[in-house]
Every structure is written in structure tokens, then in C-alpha cells.
N, C-alpha and C. Protein backbone atom coordinates (compact mmCIF):
# COMPACT_ATOMS: atom_id res chain seq x y z
N MET A 1 7.00 11.50 -2.72
CA MET A 1 6.48 11.63 -4.22
C MET A 1 5.36 11.54 -4.61
N THR A 2 4.32 11.86 -5.78
CA THR A 2 2.95 11.50 -6.01
C THR A 2 2.64 11.22 -7.73
N PHE A 3 2.61 10.28 -8.00
CA PHE A 3 2.46 9.86 -9.60
C PHE A 3 0.91 9.32 -9.80
N PRO A 4 0.70 9.88 -10.96
CA PRO A 4 0.09 9.64 -11.56
C PRO A 4 -0.17 7.57 -12.03
N LEU A 5 -1.41 7.33 -12.22
CA LEU A 5 -1.23 5.74 -11.70
C LEU A 5 -2.01 5.13 -13.00
N ASP A 6 -2.02 4.33 -14.57
CA ASP A 6 -3.60 3.72 -14.32
C ASP A 6 -3.81 2.66 -13.91
N VAL A 7 -5.02 2.51 -13.59
CA VAL A 7 -5.47 1.36 -13.08
C VAL A 7 -6.71 0.39 -14.06
N THR A 8 -6.62 1.12 -14.57
CA THR A 8 -7.63 0.60 -15.91
C THR A 8 -7.88 -1.27 -16.05
N GLN A 9 -6.78 -1.71 -16.42
CA GLN A 9 -7.10 -3.05 -16.73
C GLN A 9 -7.14 -3.77 -15.20
N LEU A 10 -6.53 -3.08 -14.18
CA LEU A 10 -6.52 -3.86 -12.86
C LEU A 10 -7.99 -4.04 -12.30
N TYR A 11 -8.77 -2.32 -12.43
CA TYR A 11 -10.07 -2.41 -12.05
C TYR A 11 -10.94 -3.29 -12.97
N GLN A 12 -10.92 -3.27 -14.53
CA GLN A 12 -11.91 -4.36 -15.14
C GLN A 12 -11.64 -5.30 -14.98
N VAL A 13 -10.43 -5.97 -14.93
CA VAL A 13 -10.16 -7.49 -14.33
C VAL A 13 -10.50 -8.20 -13.28
N GLY A 14 -10.08 -7.05 -12.03
CA GLY A 14 -10.88 -7.32 -10.68
C GLY A 14 -11.96 -7.33 -10.80
N LYS A 15 -12.66 -6.65 -11.41
CA LYS A 15 -14.27 -6.14 -11.26
C LYS A 15 -14.96 -7.79 -11.72
N ALA A 16 -14.17 -8.02 -12.74
CA ALA A 16 -15.15 -9.09 -13.62
C ALA A 16 -14.73 -10.12 -12.62
N LYS A 17 -13.87 -10.04 -11.72
CA LYS A 17 -13.74 -11.35 -11.15
C LYS A 17 -14.24 -11.51 -9.75
N GLY A 18 -14.94 -9.74 -9.31
CA GLY A 18 -15.74 -10.22 -8.22
C GLY A 18 -14.28 -9.72 -7.22
N TYR A 19 -13.17 -9.01 -7.40
CA TYR A 19 -12.16 -8.75 -6.70
C TYR A 19 -12.77 -7.57 -5.92
N ARG A 20 -12.44 -6.93 -4.49
CA ARG A 20 -12.44 -5.80 -3.92
C ARG A 20 -10.94 -5.07 -4.55
N PHE A 21 -11.34 -3.96 -5.47
CA PHE A 21 -10.47 -2.95 -6.08
C PHE A 21 -8.95 -2.65 -4.79
N TYR A 22 -9.63 -1.93 -4.08
CA TYR A 22 -8.66 -2.04 -3.11
C TYR A 22 -7.83 -2.80 -2.31
N PHE A 23 -7.90 -3.95 -2.33
CA PHE A 23 -7.25 -5.02 -2.14
C PHE A 23 -6.83 -5.35 -2.84
N LEU A 24 -6.80 -5.26 -4.26
CA LEU A 24 -6.69 -5.99 -5.30
C LEU A 24 -5.03 -5.06 -5.70
N LEU A 25 -5.15 -3.73 -5.65
CA LEU A 25 -3.80 -2.55 -5.75
C LEU A 25 -3.08 -3.06 -4.78
N MET A 26 -3.80 -2.96 -3.28
CA MET A 26 -2.72 -3.27 -2.43
C MET A 26 -1.73 -4.45 -2.57
N HIS A 27 -2.43 -5.79 -2.82
CA HIS A 27 -1.92 -6.69 -3.31
C HIS A 27 -0.95 -6.03 -4.23
N GLN A 28 -1.33 -5.98 -4.99
CA GLN A 28 -0.38 -5.42 -6.59
C GLN A 28 1.16 -4.93 -6.21
N VAL A 29 0.70 -3.59 -5.52
CA VAL A 29 1.83 -2.77 -4.17
C VAL A 29 2.74 -3.67 -3.71
N VAL A 30 2.43 -4.70 -3.16
CA VAL A 30 3.06 -5.04 -2.32
C VAL A 30 4.25 -6.28 -2.93
N LEU A 31 3.61 -6.97 -4.08
CA LEU A 31 4.12 -7.67 -4.58
C LEU A 31 5.67 -6.73 -5.62
N THR A 32 5.13 -6.20 -5.76
CA THR A 32 5.93 -4.99 -6.77
C THR A 32 7.40 -4.71 -5.74
N LEU A 33 6.85 -3.98 -4.61
CA LEU A 33 7.22 -3.49 -3.56
C LEU A 33 9.09 -4.33 -3.18
N ASN A 34 8.37 -5.59 -3.27
CA ASN A 34 8.74 -7.16 -2.57
C ASN A 34 10.47 -7.06 -3.92
N GLN A 35 10.12 -6.62 -5.41
CA GLN A 35 10.91 -7.24 -6.16
C GLN A 35 11.88 -6.16 -6.36
N ILE A 36 11.65 -5.23 -5.65
CA ILE A 36 12.95 -3.91 -5.07
C ILE A 36 13.93 -3.90 -3.89
N GLU A 37 15.06 -4.40 -4.41
CA GLU A 37 15.77 -4.10 -3.03
C GLU A 37 15.26 -3.33 -1.89
N ASN A 38 15.91 -2.24 -2.56
CA ASN A 38 15.90 -1.04 -1.48
C ASN A 38 14.52 -0.85 -1.11
N PHE A 39 13.48 -1.38 -1.24
CA PHE A 39 12.19 -0.84 -0.52
C PHE A 39 12.32 -2.36 0.88
N ARG A 40 13.00 -2.98 0.51
CA ARG A 40 12.90 -4.17 1.50
C ARG A 40 13.53 -3.57 2.71
N TYR A 41 14.69 -2.75 2.79
CA TYR A 41 15.23 -2.39 3.46
C TYR A 41 14.70 -1.75 4.84
N ARG A 42 15.11 -1.77 5.82
CA ARG A 42 15.08 -1.32 6.95
C ARG A 42 16.15 -0.88 8.02
N ILE A 43 15.91 -0.14 8.68
CA ILE A 43 17.03 0.28 10.05
C ILE A 43 16.65 -0.42 11.09
N GLU A 44 17.59 -1.32 12.62
CA GLU A 44 17.40 -1.64 13.64
C GLU A 44 18.27 -1.67 14.07
N ASP A 45 18.60 -1.14 15.46
CA ASP A 45 19.84 -1.25 16.48
C ASP A 45 20.83 -0.72 15.37
N GLY A 46 20.88 0.10 14.47
CA GLY A 46 21.68 1.18 13.66
C GLY A 46 22.30 0.63 12.71
N LYS A 47 21.59 -0.48 12.14
CA LYS A 47 21.81 -1.65 11.38
C LYS A 47 20.93 -1.73 10.39
N VAL A 48 21.38 -1.67 8.77
CA VAL A 48 20.48 -1.85 7.58
C VAL A 48 20.09 -3.44 7.36
N PHE A 49 19.00 -3.81 7.57
CA PHE A 49 18.97 -5.63 6.58
C PHE A 49 17.58 -5.36 5.72
N ASP A 50 18.02 -6.35 4.89
CA ASP A 50 17.18 -6.47 3.49
C ASP A 50 16.38 -7.80 4.23
N GLN A 51 14.95 -7.27 4.57
CA GLN A 51 14.04 -8.63 4.72
C GLN A 51 12.92 -8.68 3.94
N PRO A 52 12.05 -9.22 3.06
CA PRO A 52 10.68 -9.29 2.11
C PRO A 52 9.54 -8.58 3.27
N ILE A 53 8.73 -7.95 2.54
CA ILE A 53 7.73 -7.47 3.38
C ILE A 53 6.86 -8.57 3.19
N GLU A 54 6.45 -9.10 4.55
CA GLU A 54 5.29 -10.02 4.96
C GLU A 54 4.14 -9.57 5.45
N PHE A 55 4.44 -8.42 5.73
CA PHE A 55 2.78 -8.17 6.91
C PHE A 55 2.68 -6.43 6.29
N VAL A 56 1.14 -6.13 5.65
CA VAL A 56 0.98 -5.15 5.49
C VAL A 56 -0.33 -4.05 6.60
N SER A 57 0.22 -2.98 7.01
CA SER A 57 -0.73 -2.33 8.01
C SER A 57 -1.66 -1.26 7.04
N PHE A 58 -2.81 -1.63 6.65
CA PHE A 58 -3.30 -1.09 6.14
C PHE A 58 -4.67 -0.23 6.74
N THR A 59 -5.50 0.95 5.89
CA THR A 59 -6.33 1.88 6.83
C THR A 59 -7.53 0.45 6.49
N ASP A 60 -8.84 0.93 7.42
CA ASP A 60 -9.99 0.43 6.58
C ASP A 60 -10.94 1.36 7.65
N PHE A 61 -12.02 1.68 7.15
CA PHE A 61 -13.21 2.03 7.63
C PHE A 61 -13.98 1.88 8.65
N ILE A 62 -14.40 2.54 9.64
CA ILE A 62 -15.04 2.16 10.33
C ILE A 62 -15.95 3.31 10.48
N GLU A 63 -17.16 2.78 9.69
CA GLU A 63 -18.45 3.19 9.11
C GLU A 63 -19.57 4.04 10.20
N ALA A 64 -19.91 3.40 11.14
CA ALA A 64 -20.35 3.92 12.39
C ALA A 64 -19.56 4.82 13.03
N GLU A 65 -18.32 4.86 13.37
CA GLU A 65 -17.58 6.45 13.69
C GLU A 65 -17.20 7.09 13.07
N GLN A 66 -17.03 7.09 11.62
CA GLN A 66 -16.46 7.65 10.52
C GLN A 66 -15.01 7.75 10.74
N LEU A 67 -14.56 6.64 11.09
CA LEU A 67 -13.27 6.72 11.46
C LEU A 67 -12.18 5.66 10.54
N PHE A 68 -10.90 6.18 10.66
CA PHE A 68 -10.23 4.62 10.28
C PHE A 68 -9.79 4.39 11.07
N LYS A 69 -9.35 2.54 11.05
CA LYS A 69 -8.41 1.95 11.78
C LYS A 69 -7.17 1.47 11.24
N MET A 70 -6.28 0.68 11.83
CA MET A 70 -5.10 0.58 11.18
C MET A 70 -5.42 -0.94 11.46
N VAL A 71 -5.30 -1.61 9.96
CA VAL A 71 -5.43 -3.24 10.24
C VAL A 71 -3.75 -4.04 10.02
N PHE A 72 -3.51 -4.46 10.72
CA PHE A 72 -2.36 -5.23 10.75
C PHE A 72 -2.42 -6.87 9.76
N THR A 73 -1.81 -7.53 8.85
CA THR A 73 -2.33 -8.34 8.06
C THR A 73 -1.03 -8.83 7.57
N LYS A 74 -1.05 -10.60 6.80
CA LYS A 74 -0.14 -11.05 6.52
C LYS A 74 -0.01 -11.37 5.23
N VAL A 75 1.16 -11.07 4.41
CA VAL A 75 0.62 -10.83 2.95
C VAL A 75 0.94 -12.30 2.39
N ASP A 76 -0.34 -12.79 1.54
CA ASP A 76 0.10 -13.67 1.09
C ASP A 76 0.20 -14.04 -0.70
N ALA A 77 0.82 -14.80 -1.01
CA ALA A 77 1.49 -14.09 -2.83
C ALA A 77 -0.12 -14.49 -3.40
N ASP A 78 -0.89 -15.06 -2.53
CA ASP A 78 -2.13 -15.75 -3.26
C ASP A 78 -3.18 -14.47 -3.29
N TYR A 79 -3.89 -14.01 -4.70
CA TYR A 79 -4.74 -12.97 -4.02
C TYR A 79 -5.92 -12.94 -3.62
N LEU A 80 -6.17 -14.08 -3.62
CA LEU A 80 -7.82 -14.77 -2.54
C LEU A 80 -7.43 -15.03 -1.37
N THR A 81 -6.28 -15.71 -0.72
CA THR A 81 -5.91 -15.69 0.27
C THR A 81 -5.70 -14.37 1.21
N PHE A 82 -5.02 -13.57 0.81
CA PHE A 82 -4.55 -11.67 1.12
C PHE A 82 -6.18 -11.07 1.40
N GLU A 83 -6.76 -11.46 0.46
CA GLU A 83 -8.26 -10.75 0.33
C GLU A 83 -8.88 -11.17 1.37
N LYS A 84 -9.06 -12.63 1.70
CA LYS A 84 -10.41 -13.30 2.64
C LYS A 84 -9.33 -12.92 4.05
N THR A 85 -8.11 -13.17 3.89
CA THR A 85 -7.33 -13.03 5.45
C THR A 85 -7.47 -11.66 6.22
N SER A 86 -7.20 -10.23 5.05
CA SER A 86 -7.32 -9.21 5.28
C SER A 86 -8.57 -8.83 5.72
N ILE A 87 -10.02 -9.02 5.37
CA ILE A 87 -11.47 -8.84 5.74
C ILE A 87 -11.77 -9.23 6.92
N THR A 88 -10.98 -10.88 6.88
CA THR A 88 -11.32 -11.43 8.24
C THR A 88 -10.46 -10.58 9.11
N THR A 89 -9.32 -10.43 9.40
CA THR A 89 -8.68 -9.53 10.28
C THR A 89 -9.27 -8.18 10.84
N SER A 90 -9.63 -7.33 9.68
CA SER A 90 -10.48 -6.40 10.32
C SER A 90 -11.68 -6.54 10.98
N ALA A 91 -12.45 -7.51 10.28
CA ALA A 91 -13.61 -7.97 11.02
C ALA A 91 -13.52 -8.25 12.53
N LYS A 92 -12.31 -9.12 12.66
CA LYS A 92 -12.29 -9.43 13.96
C LYS A 92 -11.48 -8.12 14.96
N GLN A 93 -10.92 -7.60 14.48
CA GLN A 93 -10.92 -6.15 15.33
C GLN A 93 -11.24 -5.30 15.59
N GLY A 94 -12.81 -5.78 14.76
CA GLY A 94 -13.93 -4.64 15.03
C GLY A 94 -13.59 -2.90 14.96
N ASN A 95 -13.88 -1.87 16.14
CA ASN A 95 -13.63 -0.72 16.45
C ASN A 95 -12.47 -0.77 17.11
N LEU A 96 -11.85 -1.43 17.14
CA LEU A 96 -10.17 -1.03 17.86
C LEU A 96 -9.38 -0.26 16.41
N LEU A 97 -8.73 0.88 16.89
CA LEU A 97 -8.56 1.72 16.30
C LEU A 97 -6.73 1.61 15.55
N ILE A 98 -5.87 0.76 16.60
CA ILE A 98 -5.05 0.18 15.74
C ILE A 98 -4.39 -0.09 17.27
N GLN A 99 -3.65 -1.67 16.83
CA GLN A 99 -2.67 -2.78 17.80
C GLN A 99 -1.44 -1.71 17.19
N MET A 100 -1.04 -1.17 18.34
CA MET A 100 0.39 -0.60 18.36
C MET A 100 1.67 -1.62 18.76
N ASP A 101 1.23 -2.83 19.25
CA ASP A 101 2.24 -3.72 19.04
C ASP A 101 2.47 -4.30 17.76
N LYS A 102 1.91 -4.61 16.91
CA LYS A 102 1.79 -4.98 15.24
C LYS A 102 2.62 -3.87 14.60
N GLU A 103 2.34 -3.15 14.77
CA GLU A 103 2.73 -1.73 13.87
C GLU A 103 4.13 -1.32 14.27
N MET A 104 4.49 -1.90 14.86
CA MET A 104 5.85 -1.84 15.11
C MET A 104 6.91 -2.84 14.50
N VAL A 105 6.34 -3.42 13.79
CA VAL A 105 6.65 -4.63 12.85
C VAL A 105 7.70 -4.37 11.58
N LEU A 106 9.10 -4.53 11.63
CA LEU A 106 9.75 -3.84 9.81
C LEU A 106 9.27 -4.56 9.07
N ASN A 107 8.99 -6.07 9.03
CA ASN A 107 8.78 -5.90 7.66
C ASN A 107 7.78 -6.01 7.23
N THR A 108 7.39 -4.53 7.29
CA THR A 108 5.83 -4.44 7.03
C THR A 108 6.06 -3.03 6.14
N ILE A 109 4.55 -2.83 5.76
CA ILE A 109 4.49 -2.12 4.80
C ILE A 109 3.30 -0.62 4.74
N TYR A 110 3.09 0.47 5.19
CA TYR A 110 1.82 1.09 5.52
C TYR A 110 1.30 1.49 4.54
N ILE A 111 -0.35 1.08 4.15
CA ILE A 111 -0.86 1.34 2.92
C ILE A 111 -2.40 2.25 3.36
N THR A 112 -2.60 3.00 2.66
CA THR A 112 -4.27 4.09 3.12
C THR A 112 -4.45 4.17 1.99
N SER A 113 -5.64 4.92 1.22
CA SER A 113 -6.18 5.51 0.24
C SER A 113 -7.14 6.84 0.84
N PHE A 114 -7.47 7.42 -0.08
CA PHE A 114 -8.06 8.68 -0.56
C PHE A 114 -9.11 8.75 -1.36
N PRO A 115 -10.24 7.43 -0.72
CA PRO A 115 -11.30 7.52 -2.33
C PRO A 115 -12.04 8.15 -2.69
N TRP A 116 -12.75 9.74 -1.77
CA TRP A 116 -13.67 10.38 -1.74
C TRP A 116 -13.21 11.78 -2.73
N ALA A 117 -12.01 11.62 -3.07
CA ALA A 117 -11.43 12.99 -3.94
C ALA A 117 -10.18 12.48 -4.61
N ARG A 118 -9.67 13.27 -5.61
CA ARG A 118 -8.34 12.92 -6.44
C ARG A 118 -7.05 14.07 -5.64
N PHE A 119 -6.10 13.09 -4.87
CA PHE A 119 -5.33 14.45 -4.24
C PHE A 119 -4.21 14.77 -5.07
N THR A 120 -2.97 15.58 -5.13
CA THR A 120 -2.20 15.97 -5.96
C THR A 120 -0.72 16.14 -5.09
N GLN A 121 -1.36 15.39 -3.97
CA GLN A 121 0.27 15.41 -2.68
C GLN A 121 -0.36 14.77 -1.89
N PHE A 122 0.53 14.07 -1.07
CA PHE A 122 -0.12 13.37 0.10
C PHE A 122 1.05 13.57 1.04
N THR A 123 0.64 13.67 2.06
CA THR A 123 2.23 13.40 3.48
C THR A 123 1.40 12.80 4.54
N HIS A 124 1.60 11.75 4.99
CA HIS A 124 1.57 11.19 6.30
C HIS A 124 1.47 11.98 7.35
N ALA A 125 0.67 11.95 8.24
CA ALA A 125 0.82 12.69 9.65
C ALA A 125 1.10 11.55 10.54
N THR A 126 3.05 11.79 10.45
CA THR A 126 3.42 10.97 11.55
C THR A 126 4.84 11.93 11.93
N LYS A 127 5.15 12.02 13.47
CA LYS A 127 6.41 12.16 13.29
C LYS A 127 7.60 11.15 13.49
N LEU A 128 8.35 11.44 12.43
CA LEU A 128 9.36 10.61 12.08
C LEU A 128 10.90 10.61 12.54
N SER A 129 10.86 9.38 12.74
CA SER A 129 12.61 9.65 13.32
C SER A 129 13.55 9.20 12.47
N ALA A 130 14.82 9.12 12.47
CA ALA A 130 15.68 9.00 11.60
C ALA A 130 16.44 7.58 11.39
N THR A 131 15.34 6.46 12.35
CA THR A 131 15.13 5.25 11.77
C THR A 131 14.18 4.52 11.18
N ASP A 132 13.31 5.09 11.30
CA ASP A 132 12.14 5.84 10.66
C ASP A 132 11.83 4.78 9.26
N SER A 133 12.04 3.27 8.89
CA SER A 133 12.38 2.95 7.52
C SER A 133 11.42 2.46 7.16
N VAL A 134 10.49 2.14 7.64
CA VAL A 134 9.07 1.37 6.57
C VAL A 134 8.49 2.52 5.53
N PRO A 135 8.06 2.10 4.43
CA PRO A 135 7.55 3.04 3.40
C PRO A 135 6.28 3.58 3.68
N ARG A 136 5.46 4.41 3.38
CA ARG A 136 4.31 4.56 3.27
C ARG A 136 3.64 4.92 2.03
N ILE A 137 2.37 4.30 1.42
CA ILE A 137 2.21 4.65 0.57
C ILE A 137 0.66 5.02 0.21
N SER A 138 0.27 5.64 -0.04
CA SER A 138 -1.20 6.46 -0.27
C SER A 138 -1.67 6.16 -1.91
N TRP A 139 -3.08 6.19 -1.75
CA TRP A 139 -3.35 6.73 -3.15
C TRP A 139 -5.18 7.59 -3.50
N SER A 140 -4.95 8.33 -4.34
CA SER A 140 -6.33 8.70 -4.45
C SER A 140 -7.96 8.31 -4.94
N GLN A 141 -8.40 8.77 -5.23
CA GLN A 141 -9.69 8.11 -5.85
C GLN A 141 -9.28 8.55 -7.23
N PHE A 142 -9.81 7.22 -8.04
CA PHE A 142 -9.60 7.94 -9.68
C PHE A 142 -10.24 8.19 -10.10
N GLN A 143 -10.15 9.13 -11.24
CA GLN A 143 -10.79 9.61 -12.27
C GLN A 143 -10.83 9.14 -13.75
N GLU A 144 -11.94 8.99 -14.44
CA GLU A 144 -11.58 8.65 -15.57
C GLU A 144 -10.98 9.86 -16.80
N GLU A 145 -10.11 9.63 -17.31
CA GLU A 145 -9.75 10.32 -18.49
C GLU A 145 -9.39 9.75 -19.38
N ASN A 146 -10.59 10.36 -20.95
CA ASN A 146 -9.94 9.53 -21.97
C ASN A 146 -9.99 7.95 -21.83
N GLY A 147 -11.13 7.80 -21.03
CA GLY A 147 -11.73 6.28 -21.27
C GLY A 147 -10.78 4.96 -20.31
N LYS A 148 -10.12 5.89 -19.46
CA LYS A 148 -8.98 5.29 -18.41
C LYS A 148 -9.44 5.67 -16.93
N LYS A 149 -8.90 5.11 -16.17
CA LYS A 149 -9.01 5.28 -14.74
C LYS A 149 -7.47 5.45 -14.25
N ILE A 150 -7.53 6.62 -14.00
CA ILE A 150 -6.24 7.39 -13.25
C ILE A 150 -6.18 7.71 -12.04
N LEU A 151 -5.44 7.02 -11.06
CA LEU A 151 -5.36 7.70 -9.84
C LEU A 151 -4.24 7.92 -9.12
N ASN A 152 -4.00 9.01 -8.54
CA ASN A 152 -2.76 10.01 -7.77
C ASN A 152 -2.40 8.56 -6.57
N PHE A 153 -0.64 8.44 -7.02
CA PHE A 153 -0.05 7.47 -6.15
C PHE A 153 1.02 8.12 -5.33
N SER A 154 0.95 7.62 -4.24
CA SER A 154 1.67 8.84 -3.14
C SER A 154 2.61 7.54 -2.67
N VAL A 155 4.30 7.78 -2.54
CA VAL A 155 5.33 7.42 -1.82
C VAL A 155 5.98 7.90 -1.04
N GLU A 156 6.25 7.48 0.12
CA GLU A 156 7.08 8.38 1.44
C GLU A 156 8.06 7.06 1.43
N VAL A 157 9.23 7.61 1.48
CA VAL A 157 10.39 6.98 2.06
C VAL A 157 11.63 7.05 2.60
N HIS A 158 12.40 6.55 3.90
CA HIS A 158 13.65 6.88 4.41
C HIS A 158 14.61 7.03 3.20
N HIS A 159 15.05 7.99 2.63
CA HIS A 159 15.81 9.00 1.72
C HIS A 159 17.24 7.96 2.10
N GLY A 160 17.74 7.82 2.76
CA GLY A 160 18.91 6.82 3.18
C GLY A 160 19.11 5.75 3.14
N LEU A 161 17.87 5.52 2.02
CA LEU A 161 17.71 3.52 1.75
C LEU A 161 17.19 3.81 0.68
N VAL A 162 16.01 4.81 0.16
CA VAL A 162 15.70 4.33 -1.19
C VAL A 162 16.21 5.67 -1.74
N ASP A 163 16.06 5.85 -3.13
CA ASP A 163 16.66 7.19 -3.96
C ASP A 163 15.41 7.14 -4.86
N GLY A 164 15.41 8.42 -5.90
CA GLY A 164 13.99 8.73 -6.31
C GLY A 164 14.32 7.72 -7.70
N TYR A 165 15.74 7.14 -7.97
CA TYR A 165 15.85 5.63 -9.03
C TYR A 165 15.15 4.29 -8.38
N HIS A 166 15.04 4.54 -7.71
CA HIS A 166 14.25 3.09 -6.85
C HIS A 166 12.62 3.46 -6.69
N VAL A 167 12.46 5.23 -6.77
CA VAL A 167 10.83 5.16 -6.80
C VAL A 167 10.65 4.72 -7.92
N GLY A 168 11.47 5.19 -9.02
CA GLY A 168 11.25 5.10 -10.48
C GLY A 168 11.31 3.95 -11.43
N LEU A 169 11.48 3.24 -10.75
CA LEU A 169 11.59 1.40 -10.37
C LEU A 169 10.52 0.61 -10.11
N LEU A 170 9.86 1.96 -8.70
CA LEU A 170 8.36 1.05 -8.42
C LEU A 170 7.23 1.76 -9.54
N ILE A 171 7.89 2.89 -9.64
CA ILE A 171 6.16 3.23 -10.66
C ILE A 171 6.31 2.39 -11.68
N ASN A 172 7.43 2.46 -12.86
CA ASN A 172 7.46 2.06 -13.78
C ASN A 172 7.47 0.54 -13.93
N GLN A 173 7.70 -0.37 -12.84
CA GLN A 173 7.30 -1.93 -12.86
C GLN A 173 5.94 -1.95 -11.93
N LEU A 174 5.37 -1.17 -11.87
CA LEU A 174 3.88 -1.30 -11.08
C LEU A 174 2.84 -1.28 -12.24
N GLN A 175 3.64 -0.26 -12.84
CA GLN A 175 1.93 -0.07 -13.92
C GLN A 175 2.50 -0.83 -14.96
N LYS A 176 3.33 -1.45 -15.08
CA LYS A 176 3.56 -2.60 -16.29
C LYS A 176 2.71 -3.90 -15.58
N ARG A 177 2.95 -4.22 -14.25
CA ARG A 177 2.33 -5.14 -13.63
C ARG A 177 0.77 -4.83 -13.63
N LEU A 178 0.23 -3.83 -13.43
CA LEU A 178 -1.33 -3.47 -13.65
C LEU A 178 -1.21 -3.28 -15.12
N ASN A 179 -0.98 -2.79 -15.79
CA ASN A 179 -1.01 -3.18 -17.69
C ASN A 179 -1.30 -4.50 -17.69
N GLU A 180 -0.94 -5.09 -17.83
CA GLU A 180 -0.62 -6.74 -17.64
C GLU A 180 -1.40 -7.40 -16.79
N TYR A 181 -1.93 -7.07 -15.92
CA TYR A 181 -3.05 -8.01 -14.98
C TYR A 181 -3.96 -8.33 -15.53
N ARG A 182 -4.09 -10.20 -15.98
CA ARG A 182 -5.01 -11.02 -16.08
C ARG A 182 -6.01 -11.49 -14.87
């Protein structure tokens, strides 16, 4: 599902504080996901379990190669620690596209963005199995609309674990969090 999301407040406050928007929005998304039980559900060995999201696997652009790499990093409740850890981890990874052993960790979330244009729908290029239960989040470039910064936000989930109701909770709670960001 893809939804418009108003990121005006987050962008303005983050810019004033010198924060990187990509990591700031990513951090707010993970904090919100952890508040909704169904987004923490994972399937392993045929059983469903609830475990907080402790890691994020995010895309980072390798400019010299004009390719994305997948960077796996620990989530921290403190934004500045999260941003520093994410940037440091990406730098240490260098041009390595993916660390497959880390991508198999279930208490993670996959996040990417498409900052070059605004999409109206997004599907990750994956071959999903019936037990693939890690949610995938993406967002587009934001556009100015009536003085607000609006981007399209995409959520892909295992429908056996997360229903439309839970996606609605996510969108509404995330929008509230972004509107109240100080």
C-alpha cells in the first residue's frame, strides 16, 4: 500500500538541527513500527513470534558506482546515536553491495527511498516465500503542495501477520509523530 505522508514538520526541525532527513525519517518509522505489535511479528520454523525491531537494513547510494548497497545497522532509541552508527556502518562497508548473512536476521526492517522522483506505487524487487515476514518500507521524493512537503510512503507486509487495519494504525501514528516532532 502507498500513502501520501506530510513530512513538513520533521524536515524543518531536522534541517534546523542539522540532521540528515533520510536517517531522521527512517528513525521515526522504526520507532513507530515498534509500537504496533503486528509489525513486530515474524515467522521462524513455522511459528509466529513477537520481537522488537532492533536492526534496520537500509539502502545507501554508492555514487562512484551509481548503485545502491544494503547497509545493516543497529537501531538506537537516540536519534543522534542512530544517525552516527548508520553513517559509520555504511562507510565501513564501502562498496560491498550486501552482507547476506546479516540480511537473514528477522528482527529487522528493510527500508529504501527513491529520492529522484515521486512514485505513486512501489513494489520491492524480491522473490518472497510464504515465511518472509520482514516488512519493507520505501518512500519517494517529497513535493511541495500548498506549502507542505508531501512524499509517497509505501508499506509491504506479510498479509498473514499484518492487516489493513494495522497499516492504517502505522500511517496514522507515524503522521501524528511527524506532525509533533520537535
